[in-house]
Amino acid sequence: GVPDRHEPDEGEVNYPYLFKLIDELGYEGWVGCEYRPRANT
């Protein structure tokens, strides 16, 4: 998540939209969840 680097369900980036786009573009790799949990992971 942006700006606080927490879970991708908060902040200014629309991740559901990006996940759909990533699929449409044919990306077959992994997506790393590199964020600091707000509380319990």
PDB file of all heavy atoms in Angstrom:
ATOM      1  N   GLY A   1       0.817  -1.198   0.000  1.00  0.00           N
ATOM      2  CA  GLY A   1       0.000   0.000   0.000  1.00  0.00           C
ATOM      3  C   GLY A   1       0.857   1.257   0.000  1.00  0.00           C
ATOM      4  O   GLY A   1       1.952   1.284   0.558  1.00  0.00           O
ATOM      5  N   VAL A   2       0.344   2.299  -0.644  1.00  0.00           N
ATOM      6  CA  VAL A   2       1.030   3.595  -0.700  1.00  0.00           C
ATOM      7  C   VAL A   2       0.106   4.634  -0.063  1.00  0.00           C
ATOM      8  O   VAL A   2      -1.094   4.657  -0.374  1.00  0.00           O
ATOM      9  CB  VAL A   2       1.335   3.979  -2.170  1.00  0.00           C
ATOM     10  CG1 VAL A   2       2.080   5.308  -2.230  1.00  0.00           C
ATOM     11  CG2 VAL A   2       2.121   2.875  -2.877  1.00  0.00           C
ATOM     12  N   PRO A   3       0.595   5.451   0.871  1.00  0.00           N
ATOM     13  CA  PRO A   3       2.013   5.782   1.105  1.00  0.00           C
ATOM     14  C   PRO A   3       2.690   5.064   2.260  1.00  0.00           C
ATOM     15  O   PRO A   3       3.893   5.249   2.457  1.00  0.00           O
ATOM     16  CB  PRO A   3       1.937   7.276   1.417  1.00  0.00           C
ATOM     17  CG  PRO A   3       0.638   7.422   2.157  1.00  0.00           C
ATOM     18  CD  PRO A   3      -0.302   6.451   1.496  1.00  0.00           C
ATOM     19  N   ASP A   4       1.984   4.271   3.048  1.00  0.00           N
ATOM     20  CA  ASP A   4       2.535   3.794   4.319  1.00  0.00           C
ATOM     21  C   ASP A   4       3.142   2.397   4.275  1.00  0.00           C
ATOM     22  O   ASP A   4       3.606   1.892   5.299  1.00  0.00           O
ATOM     23  CB  ASP A   4       1.452   3.841   5.404  1.00  0.00           C
ATOM     24  CG  ASP A   4       0.996   5.263   5.691  1.00  0.00           C
ATOM     25  OD1 ASP A   4       1.862   6.165   5.670  1.00  0.00           O
ATOM     26  OD2 ASP A   4      -0.206   5.469   5.918  1.00  0.00           O
ATOM     27  N   ARG A   5       3.146   1.767   3.132  1.00  0.00           N
ATOM     28  CA  ARG A   5       3.720   0.441   2.933  1.00  0.00           C
ATOM     29  C   ARG A   5       3.065  -0.625   3.825  1.00  0.00           C
ATOM     30  O   ARG A   5       3.722  -1.541   4.305  1.00  0.00           O
ATOM     31  CB  ARG A   5       5.241   0.450   3.124  1.00  0.00           C
ATOM     32  CG  ARG A   5       5.908  -0.641   2.296  1.00  0.00           C
ATOM     33  CD  ARG A   5       7.425  -0.536   2.274  1.00  0.00           C
ATOM     34  NE  ARG A   5       7.969  -1.425   1.257  1.00  0.00           N
ATOM     35  CZ  ARG A   5       9.263  -1.522   0.920  1.00  0.00           C
ATOM     36  NH1 ARG A   5      10.138  -0.760   1.544  1.00  0.00           N
ATOM     37  NH2 ARG A   5       9.654  -2.344  -0.010  1.00  0.00           N
ATOM     38  N   HIS A   6       1.770  -0.497   4.004  1.00  0.00           N
ATOM     39  CA  HIS A   6       1.000  -1.524   4.702  1.00  0.00           C
ATOM     40  C   HIS A   6       0.302  -2.420   3.676  1.00  0.00           C
ATOM     41  O   HIS A   6       0.684  -2.456   2.502  1.00  0.00           O
ATOM     42  CB  HIS A   6      -0.006  -0.879   5.648  1.00  0.00           C
ATOM     43  CG  HIS A   6       0.620  -0.129   6.782  1.00  0.00           C
ATOM     44  ND1 HIS A   6       1.694  -0.621   7.493  1.00  0.00           N
ATOM     45  CD2 HIS A   6       0.329   1.086   7.331  1.00  0.00           C
ATOM     46  CE1 HIS A   6       2.039   0.243   8.437  1.00  0.00           C
ATOM     47  NE2 HIS A   6       1.240   1.287   8.354  1.00  0.00           N
ATOM     48  N   GLU A   7      -0.713  -3.146   4.112  1.00  0.00           N
ATOM     49  CA  GLU A   7      -1.468  -4.028   3.232  1.00  0.00           C
ATOM     50  C   GLU A   7      -1.959  -3.276   1.996  1.00  0.00           C
ATOM     51  O   GLU A   7      -2.247  -2.061   2.072  1.00  0.00           O
ATOM     52  CB  GLU A   7      -2.662  -4.622   3.982  1.00  0.00           C
ATOM     53  CG  GLU A   7      -2.320  -5.746   4.932  1.00  0.00           C
ATOM     54  CD  GLU A   7      -1.816  -5.321   6.300  1.00  0.00           C
ATOM     55  OE1 GLU A   7      -1.555  -4.103   6.492  1.00  0.00           O
ATOM     56  OE2 GLU A   7      -1.669  -6.185   7.182  1.00  0.00           O
ATOM     57  N   PRO A   8      -2.084  -3.972   0.875  1.00  0.00           N
ATOM     58  CA  PRO A   8      -2.485  -3.312  -0.375  1.00  0.00           C
ATOM     59  C   PRO A   8      -3.978  -3.026  -0.480  1.00  0.00           C
ATOM     60  O   PRO A   8      -4.467  -2.731  -1.576  1.00  0.00           O
ATOM     61  CB  PRO A   8      -2.039  -4.308  -1.449  1.00  0.00           C
ATOM     62  CG  PRO A   8      -2.097  -5.630  -0.775  1.00  0.00           C
ATOM     63  CD  PRO A   8      -1.677  -5.377   0.646  1.00  0.00           C
ATOM     64  N   ASP A   9      -4.698  -3.092   0.636  1.00  0.00           N
ATOM     65  CA  ASP A   9      -6.126  -2.756   0.614  1.00  0.00           C
ATOM     66  C   ASP A   9      -6.368  -1.336   1.127  1.00  0.00           C
ATOM     67  O   ASP A   9      -7.510  -0.942   1.357  1.00  0.00           O
ATOM     68  CB  ASP A   9      -6.939  -3.758   1.438  1.00  0.00           C
ATOM     69  CG  ASP A   9      -6.490  -3.843   2.893  1.00  0.00           C
ATOM     70  OD1 ASP A   9      -5.543  -3.124   3.278  1.00  0.00           O
ATOM     71  OD2 ASP A   9      -7.078  -4.642   3.641  1.00  0.00           O
ATOM     72  N   GLU A  10      -5.308  -0.561   1.317  1.00  0.00           N
ATOM     73  CA  GLU A  10      -5.465   0.825   1.733  1.00  0.00           C
ATOM     74  C   GLU A  10      -4.519   1.711   0.946  1.00  0.00           C
ATOM     75  O   GLU A  10      -3.521   1.254   0.394  1.00  0.00           O
ATOM     76  CB  GLU A  10      -5.183   1.000   3.233  1.00  0.00           C
ATOM     77  CG  GLU A  10      -3.718   0.844   3.616  1.00  0.00           C
ATOM     78  CD  GLU A  10      -3.436   1.225   5.066  1.00  0.00           C
ATOM     79  OE1 GLU A  10      -4.355   1.153   5.888  1.00  0.00           O
ATOM     80  OE2 GLU A  10      -2.279   1.576   5.358  1.00  0.00           O
ATOM     81  N   GLY A  11      -4.863   3.004   0.873  1.00  0.00           N
ATOM     82  CA  GLY A  11      -3.975   3.949   0.220  1.00  0.00           C
ATOM     83  C   GLY A  11      -4.428   4.316  -1.177  1.00  0.00           C
ATOM     84  O   GLY A  11      -5.567   4.095  -1.579  1.00  0.00           O
ATOM     85  N   GLU A  12      -3.505   4.851  -1.939  1.00  0.00           N
ATOM     86  CA  GLU A  12      -3.852   5.513  -3.184  1.00  0.00           C
ATOM     87  C   GLU A  12      -3.764   4.635  -4.419  1.00  0.00           C
ATOM     88  O   GLU A  12      -4.038   5.103  -5.532  1.00  0.00           O
ATOM     89  CB  GLU A  12      -2.929   6.731  -3.376  1.00  0.00           C
ATOM     90  CG  GLU A  12      -1.455   6.373  -3.488  1.00  0.00           C
ATOM     91  CD  GLU A  12      -0.538   7.575  -3.262  1.00  0.00           C
ATOM     92  OE1 GLU A  12      -0.720   8.256  -2.238  1.00  0.00           O
ATOM     93  OE2 GLU A  12       0.329   7.831  -4.115  1.00  0.00           O
ATOM     94  N   VAL A  13      -3.371   3.383  -4.280  1.00  0.00           N
ATOM     95  CA  VAL A  13      -3.236   2.489  -5.436  1.00  0.00           C
ATOM     96  C   VAL A  13      -4.412   1.521  -5.473  1.00  0.00           C
ATOM     97  O   VAL A  13      -4.720   0.855  -4.476  1.00  0.00           O
ATOM     98  CB  VAL A  13      -1.905   1.715  -5.383  1.00  0.00           C
ATOM     99  CG1 VAL A  13      -1.807   0.738  -6.553  1.00  0.00           C
ATOM    100  CG2 VAL A  13      -0.720   2.674  -5.396  1.00  0.00           C
ATOM    101  N   ASN A  14      -5.040   1.396  -6.633  1.00  0.00           N
ATOM    102  CA  ASN A  14      -6.171   0.489  -6.836  1.00  0.00           C
ATOM    103  C   ASN A  14      -5.631  -0.877  -7.255  1.00  0.00           C
ATOM    104  O   ASN A  14      -5.512  -1.184  -8.449  1.00  0.00           O
ATOM    105  CB  ASN A  14      -7.115   1.054  -7.899  1.00  0.00           C
ATOM    106  CG  ASN A  14      -8.344   0.187  -8.128  1.00  0.00           C
ATOM    107  OD1 ASN A  14      -8.464  -0.902  -7.577  1.00  0.00           O
ATOM    108  ND2 ASN A  14      -9.268   0.672  -8.953  1.00  0.00           N
ATOM    109  N   TYR A  15      -5.305  -1.694  -6.278  1.00  0.00           N
ATOM    110  CA  TYR A  15      -4.672  -2.969  -6.596  1.00  0.00           C
ATOM    111  C   TYR A  15      -5.593  -3.965  -7.288  1.00  0.00           C
ATOM    112  O   TYR A  15      -5.122  -4.693  -8.186  1.00  0.00           O
ATOM    113  CB  TYR A  15      -4.028  -3.573  -5.351  1.00  0.00           C
ATOM    114  CG  TYR A  15      -2.628  -3.046  -5.129  1.00  0.00           C
ATOM    115  CD1 TYR A  15      -2.336  -2.184  -4.077  1.00  0.00           C
ATOM    116  CD2 TYR A  15      -1.585  -3.384  -5.978  1.00  0.00           C
ATOM    117  CE1 TYR A  15      -1.054  -1.691  -3.877  1.00  0.00           C
ATOM    118  CE2 TYR A  15      -0.298  -2.893  -5.793  1.00  0.00           C
ATOM    119  CZ  TYR A  15      -0.041  -2.056  -4.745  1.00  0.00           C
ATOM    120  OH  TYR A  15       1.237  -1.563  -4.571  1.00  0.00           O
ATOM    121  N   PRO A  16      -6.861  -4.087  -6.949  1.00  0.00           N
ATOM    122  CA  PRO A  16      -7.696  -5.002  -7.730  1.00  0.00           C
ATOM    123  C   PRO A  16      -7.644  -4.713  -9.229  1.00  0.00           C
ATOM    124  O   PRO A  16      -7.604  -5.638 -10.054  1.00  0.00           O
ATOM    125  CB  PRO A  16      -9.091  -4.780  -7.138  1.00  0.00           C
ATOM    126  CG  PRO A  16      -8.822  -4.405  -5.726  1.00  0.00           C
ATOM    127  CD  PRO A  16      -7.582  -3.555  -5.785  1.00  0.00           C
ATOM    128  N   TYR A  17      -7.641  -3.435  -9.588  1.00  0.00           N
ATOM    129  CA  TYR A  17      -7.506  -3.063 -11.005  1.00  0.00           C
ATOM    130  C   TYR A  17      -6.163  -3.528 -11.561  1.00  0.00           C
ATOM    131  O   TYR A  17      -6.084  -4.091 -12.670  1.00  0.00           O
ATOM    132  CB  TYR A  17      -7.643  -1.547 -11.152  1.00  0.00           C
ATOM    133  CG  TYR A  17      -7.279  -1.031 -12.516  1.00  0.00           C
ATOM    134  CD1 TYR A  17      -8.191  -1.084 -13.574  1.00  0.00           C
ATOM    135  CD2 TYR A  17      -6.008  -0.501 -12.768  1.00  0.00           C
ATOM    136  CE1 TYR A  17      -7.847  -0.621 -14.837  1.00  0.00           C
ATOM    137  CE2 TYR A  17      -5.662  -0.036 -14.018  1.00  0.00           C
ATOM    138  CZ  TYR A  17      -6.579  -0.098 -15.063  1.00  0.00           C
ATOM    139  OH  TYR A  17      -6.234   0.350 -16.304  1.00  0.00           O
ATOM    140  N   LEU A  18      -5.082  -3.310 -10.805  1.00  0.00           N
ATOM    141  CA  LEU A  18      -3.761  -3.712 -11.284  1.00  0.00           C
ATOM    142  C   LEU A  18      -3.627  -5.224 -11.375  1.00  0.00           C
ATOM    143  O   LEU A  18      -2.988  -5.738 -12.308  1.00  0.00           O
ATOM    144  CB  LEU A  18      -2.675  -3.135 -10.373  1.00  0.00           C
ATOM    145  CG  LEU A  18      -2.473  -1.622 -10.420  1.00  0.00           C
ATOM    146  CD1 LEU A  18      -1.373  -1.204  -9.442  1.00  0.00           C
ATOM    147  CD2 LEU A  18      -2.144  -1.137 -11.829  1.00  0.00           C
ATOM    148  N   PHE A  19      -4.215  -5.953 -10.438  1.00  0.00           N
ATOM    149  CA  PHE A  19      -4.143  -7.413 -10.506  1.00  0.00           C
ATOM    150  C   PHE A  19      -4.807  -7.918 -11.782  1.00  0.00           C
ATOM    151  O   PHE A  19      -4.301  -8.834 -12.452  1.00  0.00           O
ATOM    152  CB  PHE A  19      -4.809  -8.035  -9.281  1.00  0.00           C
ATOM    153  CG  PHE A  19      -4.113  -7.736  -7.978  1.00  0.00           C
ATOM    154  CD1 PHE A  19      -4.832  -7.732  -6.787  1.00  0.00           C
ATOM    155  CD2 PHE A  19      -2.758  -7.465  -7.931  1.00  0.00           C
ATOM    156  CE1 PHE A  19      -4.207  -7.463  -5.587  1.00  0.00           C
ATOM    157  CE2 PHE A  19      -2.118  -7.197  -6.720  1.00  0.00           C
ATOM    158  CZ  PHE A  19      -2.852  -7.189  -5.550  1.00  0.00           C
ATOM    159  N   LYS A  20      -5.926  -7.345 -12.116  1.00  0.00           N
ATOM    160  CA  LYS A  20      -6.624  -7.728 -13.357  1.00  0.00           C
ATOM    161  C   LYS A  20      -5.763  -7.400 -14.568  1.00  0.00           C
ATOM    162  O   LYS A  20      -5.640  -8.204 -15.510  1.00  0.00           O
ATOM    163  CB  LYS A  20      -7.969  -7.005 -13.431  1.00  0.00           C
ATOM    164  CG  LYS A  20      -8.852  -7.379 -14.624  1.00  0.00           C
ATOM    165  CD  LYS A  20     -10.218  -6.750 -14.458  1.00  0.00           C
ATOM    166  CE  LYS A  20     -11.157  -7.135 -15.597  1.00  0.00           C
ATOM    167  NZ  LYS A  20     -10.826  -6.491 -16.858  1.00  0.00           N
ATOM    168  N   LEU A  21      -5.146  -6.226 -14.562  1.00  0.00           N
ATOM    169  CA  LEU A  21      -4.285  -5.834 -15.667  1.00  0.00           C
ATOM    170  C   LEU A  21      -3.082  -6.756 -15.791  1.00  0.00           C
ATOM    171  O   LEU A  21      -2.698  -7.159 -16.905  1.00  0.00           O
ATOM    172  CB  LEU A  21      -3.821  -4.389 -15.465  1.00  0.00           C
ATOM    173  CG  LEU A  21      -2.822  -3.850 -16.502  1.00  0.00           C
ATOM    174  CD1 LEU A  21      -3.435  -3.832 -17.887  1.00  0.00           C
ATOM    175  CD2 LEU A  21      -2.331  -2.460 -16.092  1.00  0.00           C
ATOM    176  N   ILE A  22      -2.469  -7.088 -14.671  1.00  0.00           N
ATOM    177  CA  ILE A  22      -1.310  -7.991 -14.691  1.00  0.00           C
ATOM    178  C   ILE A  22      -1.673  -9.320 -15.342  1.00  0.00           C
ATOM    179  O   ILE A  22      -0.906  -9.877 -16.141  1.00  0.00           O
ATOM    180  CB  ILE A  22      -0.770  -8.185 -13.256  1.00  0.00           C
ATOM    181  CG1 ILE A  22      -0.063  -6.894 -12.786  1.00  0.00           C
ATOM    182  CG2 ILE A  22       0.189  -9.361 -13.176  1.00  0.00           C
ATOM    183  CD1 ILE A  22       0.220  -6.856 -11.303  1.00  0.00           C
ATOM    184  N   ASP A  23      -2.863  -9.840 -15.022  1.00  0.00           N
ATOM    185  CA  ASP A  23      -3.328 -11.067 -15.668  1.00  0.00           C
ATOM    186  C   ASP A  23      -3.520 -10.861 -17.163  1.00  0.00           C
ATOM    187  O   ASP A  23      -3.114 -11.692 -17.988  1.00  0.00           O
ATOM    188  CB  ASP A  23      -4.650 -11.520 -15.042  1.00  0.00           C
ATOM    189  CG  ASP A  23      -4.464 -12.209 -13.699  1.00  0.00           C
ATOM    190  OD1 ASP A  23      -3.323 -12.592 -13.377  1.00  0.00           O
ATOM    191  OD2 ASP A  23      -5.454 -12.354 -12.967  1.00  0.00           O
ATOM    192  N   GLU A  24      -4.154  -9.745 -17.529  1.00  0.00           N
ATOM    193  CA  GLU A  24      -4.427  -9.470 -18.943  1.00  0.00           C
ATOM    194  C   GLU A  24      -3.142  -9.346 -19.756  1.00  0.00           C
ATOM    195  O   GLU A  24      -3.106  -9.705 -20.941  1.00  0.00           O
ATOM    196  CB  GLU A  24      -5.250  -8.189 -19.073  1.00  0.00           C
ATOM    197  CG  GLU A  24      -6.683  -8.320 -18.565  1.00  0.00           C
ATOM    198  CD  GLU A  24      -7.408  -6.990 -18.538  1.00  0.00           C
ATOM    199  OE1 GLU A  24      -6.759  -5.948 -18.794  1.00  0.00           O
ATOM    200  OE2 GLU A  24      -8.624  -6.989 -18.231  1.00  0.00           O
ATOM    201  N   LEU A  25      -2.096  -8.857 -19.131  1.00  0.00           N
ATOM    202  CA  LEU A  25      -0.819  -8.691 -19.817  1.00  0.00           C
ATOM    203  C   LEU A  25      -0.014  -9.985 -19.904  1.00  0.00           C
ATOM    204  O   LEU A  25       1.072 -10.007 -20.483  1.00  0.00           O
ATOM    205  CB  LEU A  25       0.006  -7.603 -19.119  1.00  0.00           C
ATOM    206  CG  LEU A  25      -0.569  -6.184 -19.215  1.00  0.00           C
ATOM    207  CD1 LEU A  25       0.245  -5.218 -18.344  1.00  0.00           C
ATOM    208  CD2 LEU A  25      -0.603  -5.699 -20.652  1.00  0.00           C
ATOM    209  N   GLY A  26      -0.525 -11.048 -19.310  1.00  0.00           N
ATOM    210  CA  GLY A  26       0.095 -12.355 -19.452  1.00  0.00           C
ATOM    211  C   GLY A  26       1.248 -12.639 -18.515  1.00  0.00           C
ATOM    212  O   GLY A  26       2.026 -13.571 -18.749  1.00  0.00           O
ATOM    213  N   TYR A  27       1.355 -11.875 -17.437  1.00  0.00           N
ATOM    214  CA  TYR A  27       2.428 -12.124 -16.467  1.00  0.00           C
ATOM    215  C   TYR A  27       2.196 -13.461 -15.772  1.00  0.00           C
ATOM    216  O   TYR A  27       1.123 -13.723 -15.233  1.00  0.00           O
ATOM    217  CB  TYR A  27       2.457 -10.997 -15.441  1.00  0.00           C
ATOM    218  CG  TYR A  27       3.508 -11.171 -14.356  1.00  0.00           C
ATOM    219  CD1 TYR A  27       4.855 -11.014 -14.633  1.00  0.00           C
ATOM    220  CD2 TYR A  27       3.131 -11.488 -13.048  1.00  0.00           C
ATOM    221  CE1 TYR A  27       5.812 -11.171 -13.639  1.00  0.00           C
ATOM    222  CE2 TYR A  27       4.087 -11.635 -12.047  1.00  0.00           C
ATOM    223  CZ  TYR A  27       5.426 -11.480 -12.355  1.00  0.00           C
ATOM    224  OH  TYR A  27       6.374 -11.627 -11.365  1.00  0.00           O
ATOM    225  N   GLU A  28       3.210 -14.311 -15.769  1.00  0.00           N
ATOM    226  CA  GLU A  28       3.085 -15.651 -15.200  1.00  0.00           C
ATOM    227  C   GLU A  28       3.946 -15.849 -13.965  1.00  0.00           C
ATOM    228  O   GLU A  28       3.966 -16.949 -13.404  1.00  0.00           O
ATOM    229  CB  GLU A  28       3.446 -16.693 -16.266  1.00  0.00           C
ATOM    230  CG  GLU A  28       2.500 -16.687 -17.464  1.00  0.00           C
ATOM    231  CD  GLU A  28       2.865 -17.727 -18.505  1.00  0.00           C
ATOM    232  OE1 GLU A  28       3.978 -18.312 -18.398  1.00  0.00           O
ATOM    233  OE2 GLU A  28       2.056 -17.960 -19.427  1.00  0.00           O
ATOM    234  N   GLY A  29       4.648 -14.819 -13.533  1.00  0.00           N
ATOM    235  CA  GLY A  29       5.506 -14.950 -12.362  1.00  0.00           C
ATOM    236  C   GLY A  29       4.740 -14.755 -11.064  1.00  0.00           C
ATOM    237  O   GLY A  29       3.508 -14.695 -11.038  1.00  0.00           O
ATOM    238  N   TRP A  30       5.500 -14.629  -9.987  1.00  0.00           N
ATOM    239  CA  TRP A  30       4.921 -14.406  -8.669  1.00  0.00           C
ATOM    240  C   TRP A  30       4.844 -12.904  -8.379  1.00  0.00           C
ATOM    241  O   TRP A  30       5.620 -12.126  -8.914  1.00  0.00           O
ATOM    242  CB  TRP A  30       5.778 -15.086  -7.597  1.00  0.00           C
ATOM    243  CG  TRP A  30       5.794 -16.574  -7.711  1.00  0.00           C
ATOM    244  CD1 TRP A  30       6.695 -17.339  -8.417  1.00  0.00           C
ATOM    245  CD2 TRP A  30       4.874 -17.493  -7.111  1.00  0.00           C
ATOM    246  NE1 TRP A  30       6.385 -18.666  -8.286  1.00  0.00           N
ATOM    247  CE2 TRP A  30       5.275 -18.800  -7.488  1.00  0.00           C
ATOM    248  CE3 TRP A  30       3.765 -17.339  -6.276  1.00  0.00           C
ATOM    249  CZ2 TRP A  30       4.606 -19.938  -7.078  1.00  0.00           C
ATOM    250  CZ3 TRP A  30       3.087 -18.475  -5.856  1.00  0.00           C
ATOM    251  CH2 TRP A  30       3.505 -19.760  -6.252  1.00  0.00           C
ATOM    252  N   VAL A  31       3.918 -12.556  -7.507  1.00  0.00           N
ATOM    253  CA  VAL A  31       3.795 -11.189  -7.021  1.00  0.00           C
ATOM    254  C   VAL A  31       4.162 -11.196  -5.541  1.00  0.00           C
ATOM    255  O   VAL A  31       3.468 -11.819  -4.724  1.00  0.00           O
ATOM    256  CB  VAL A  31       2.372 -10.633  -7.220  1.00  0.00           C
ATOM    257  CG1 VAL A  31       2.212  -9.278  -6.541  1.00  0.00           C
ATOM    258  CG2 VAL A  31       2.055 -10.522  -8.714  1.00  0.00           C
ATOM    259  N   GLY A  32       5.262 -10.547  -5.202  1.00  0.00           N
ATOM    260  CA  GLY A  32       5.750 -10.557  -3.830  1.00  0.00           C
ATOM    261  C   GLY A  32       5.003  -9.554  -2.961  1.00  0.00           C
ATOM    262  O   GLY A  32       4.862  -8.381  -3.329  1.00  0.00           O
ATOM    263  N   CYS A  33       4.532 -10.010  -1.819  1.00  0.00           N
ATOM    264  CA  CYS A  33       3.834  -9.142  -0.861  1.00  0.00           C
ATOM    265  C   CYS A  33       4.878  -8.580   0.101  1.00  0.00           C
ATOM    266  O   CYS A  33       5.169  -9.169   1.152  1.00  0.00           O
ATOM    267  CB  CYS A  33       2.773  -9.939  -0.112  1.00  0.00           C
ATOM    268  SG  CYS A  33       1.530 -10.667  -1.211  1.00  0.00           S
ATOM    269  N   GLU A  34       5.442  -7.449  -0.273  1.00  0.00           N
ATOM    270  CA  GLU A  34       6.547  -6.860   0.481  1.00  0.00           C
ATOM    271  C   GLU A  34       6.029  -5.616   1.210  1.00  0.00           C
ATOM    272  O   GLU A  34       6.307  -4.486   0.811  1.00  0.00           O
ATOM    273  CB  GLU A  34       7.709  -6.501  -0.454  1.00  0.00           C
ATOM    274  CG  GLU A  34       8.973  -6.139   0.321  1.00  0.00           C
ATOM    275  CD  GLU A  34      10.113  -5.714  -0.592  1.00  0.00           C
ATOM    276  OE1 GLU A  34       9.884  -4.915  -1.514  1.00  0.00           O
ATOM    277  OE2 GLU A  34      11.252  -6.186  -0.376  1.00  0.00           O
ATOM    278  N   TYR A  35       5.287  -5.848   2.265  1.00  0.00           N
ATOM    279  CA  TYR A  35       4.717  -4.726   3.016  1.00  0.00           C
ATOM    280  C   TYR A  35       4.843  -4.976   4.504  1.00  0.00           C
ATOM    281  O   TYR A  35       5.074  -6.104   4.950  1.00  0.00           O
ATOM    282  CB  TYR A  35       3.260  -4.493   2.615  1.00  0.00           C
ATOM    283  CG  TYR A  35       2.305  -5.646   2.884  1.00  0.00           C
ATOM    284  CD1 TYR A  35       1.753  -5.847   4.155  1.00  0.00           C
ATOM    285  CD2 TYR A  35       1.921  -6.515   1.869  1.00  0.00           C
ATOM    286  CE1 TYR A  35       0.869  -6.887   4.401  1.00  0.00           C
ATOM    287  CE2 TYR A  35       1.033  -7.560   2.102  1.00  0.00           C
ATOM    288  CZ  TYR A  35       0.509  -7.737   3.373  1.00  0.00           C
ATOM    289  OH  TYR A  35      -0.370  -8.774   3.623  1.00  0.00           O
ATOM    290  N   ARG A  36       4.675  -3.886   5.271  1.00  0.00           N
ATOM    291  CA  ARG A  36       4.703  -3.979   6.732  1.00  0.00           C
ATOM    292  C   ARG A  36       3.278  -4.128   7.246  1.00  0.00           C
ATOM    293  O   ARG A  36       2.455  -3.204   7.066  1.00  0.00           O
ATOM    294  CB  ARG A  36       5.346  -2.722   7.335  1.00  0.00           C
ATOM    295  CG  ARG A  36       6.826  -2.566   7.035  1.00  0.00           C
ATOM    296  CD  ARG A  36       7.410  -1.363   7.786  1.00  0.00           C
ATOM    297  NE  ARG A  36       6.889  -0.116   7.260  1.00  0.00           N
ATOM    298  CZ  ARG A  36       7.486   0.629   6.335  1.00  0.00           C
ATOM    299  NH1 ARG A  36       8.645   0.237   5.823  1.00  0.00           N
ATOM    300  NH2 ARG A  36       6.951   1.759   5.926  1.00  0.00           N
ATOM    301  N   PRO A  37       2.946  -5.235   7.866  1.00  0.00           N
ATOM    302  CA  PRO A  37       1.569  -5.424   8.344  1.00  0.00           C
ATOM    303  C   PRO A  37       1.168  -4.343   9.344  1.00  0.00           C
ATOM    304  O   PRO A  37       1.971  -3.905  10.170  1.00  0.00           O
ATOM    305  CB  PRO A  37       1.606  -6.802   9.008  1.00  0.00           C
ATOM    306  CG  PRO A  37       2.806  -7.482   8.429  1.00  0.00           C
ATOM    307  CD  PRO A  37       3.792  -6.399   8.156  1.00  0.00           C
ATOM    308  N   ARG A  38      -0.097  -3.924   9.274  1.00  0.00           N
ATOM    309  CA  ARG A  38      -0.593  -2.935  10.233  1.00  0.00           C
ATOM    310  C   ARG A  38      -0.590  -3.491  11.647  1.00  0.00           C
ATOM    311  O   ARG A  38      -0.354  -2.774  12.617  1.00  0.00           O
ATOM    312  CB  ARG A  38      -2.024  -2.521   9.855  1.00  0.00           C
ATOM    313  CG  ARG A  38      -2.123  -1.660   8.609  1.00  0.00           C
ATOM    314  CD  ARG A  38      -3.562  -1.248   8.332  1.00  0.00           C
ATOM    315  NE  ARG A  38      -4.397  -2.381   7.996  1.00  0.00           N
ATOM    316  CZ  ARG A  38      -4.780  -2.698   6.761  1.00  0.00           C
ATOM    317  NH1 ARG A  38      -4.395  -1.955   5.734  1.00  0.00           N
ATOM    318  NH2 ARG A  38      -5.539  -3.746   6.529  1.00  0.00           N
ATOM    319  N   ALA A  39      -0.870  -4.786  11.762  1.00  0.00           N
ATOM    320  CA  ALA A  39      -0.916  -5.459  13.065  1.00  0.00           C
ATOM    321  C   ALA A  39      -0.540  -6.920  12.834  1.00  0.00           C
ATOM    322  O   ALA A  39       0.498  -7.196  12.225  1.00  0.00           O
ATOM    323  CB  ALA A  39      -2.296  -5.288  13.707  1.00  0.00           C
ATOM    324  N   ASN A  40      -1.354  -7.840  13.277  1.00  0.00           N
ATOM    325  CA  ASN A  40      -1.085  -9.257  13.057  1.00  0.00           C
ATOM    326  C   ASN A  40      -1.146  -9.578  11.560  1.00  0.00           C
ATOM    327  O   ASN A  40      -2.102  -9.234  10.878  1.00  0.00           O
ATOM    328  CB  ASN A  40      -2.109 -10.097  13.829  1.00  0.00           C
ATOM    329  CG  ASN A  40      -1.918 -11.581  13.610  1.00  0.00           C
ATOM    330  OD1 ASN A  40      -2.442 -12.140  12.652  1.00  0.00           O
ATOM    331  ND2 ASN A  40      -1.160 -12.215  14.489  1.00  0.00           N
ATOM    332  N   THR A  41      -0.112 -10.247  11.062  1.00  0.00           N
ATOM    333  CA  THR A  41      -0.028 -10.514   9.624  1.00  0.00           C
ATOM    334  C   THR A  41      -1.217 -11.312   9.119  1.00  0.00           C
ATOM    335  O   THR A  41      -1.832 -10.957   8.101  1.00  0.00           O
ATOM    336  CB  THR A  41       1.269 -11.265   9.295  1.00  0.00           C
ATOM    337  OG1 THR A  41       2.387 -10.488   9.729  1.00  0.00           O
ATOM    338  CG2 THR A  41       1.375 -11.532   7.801  1.00  0.00           C
TER     339      THR A  41
END
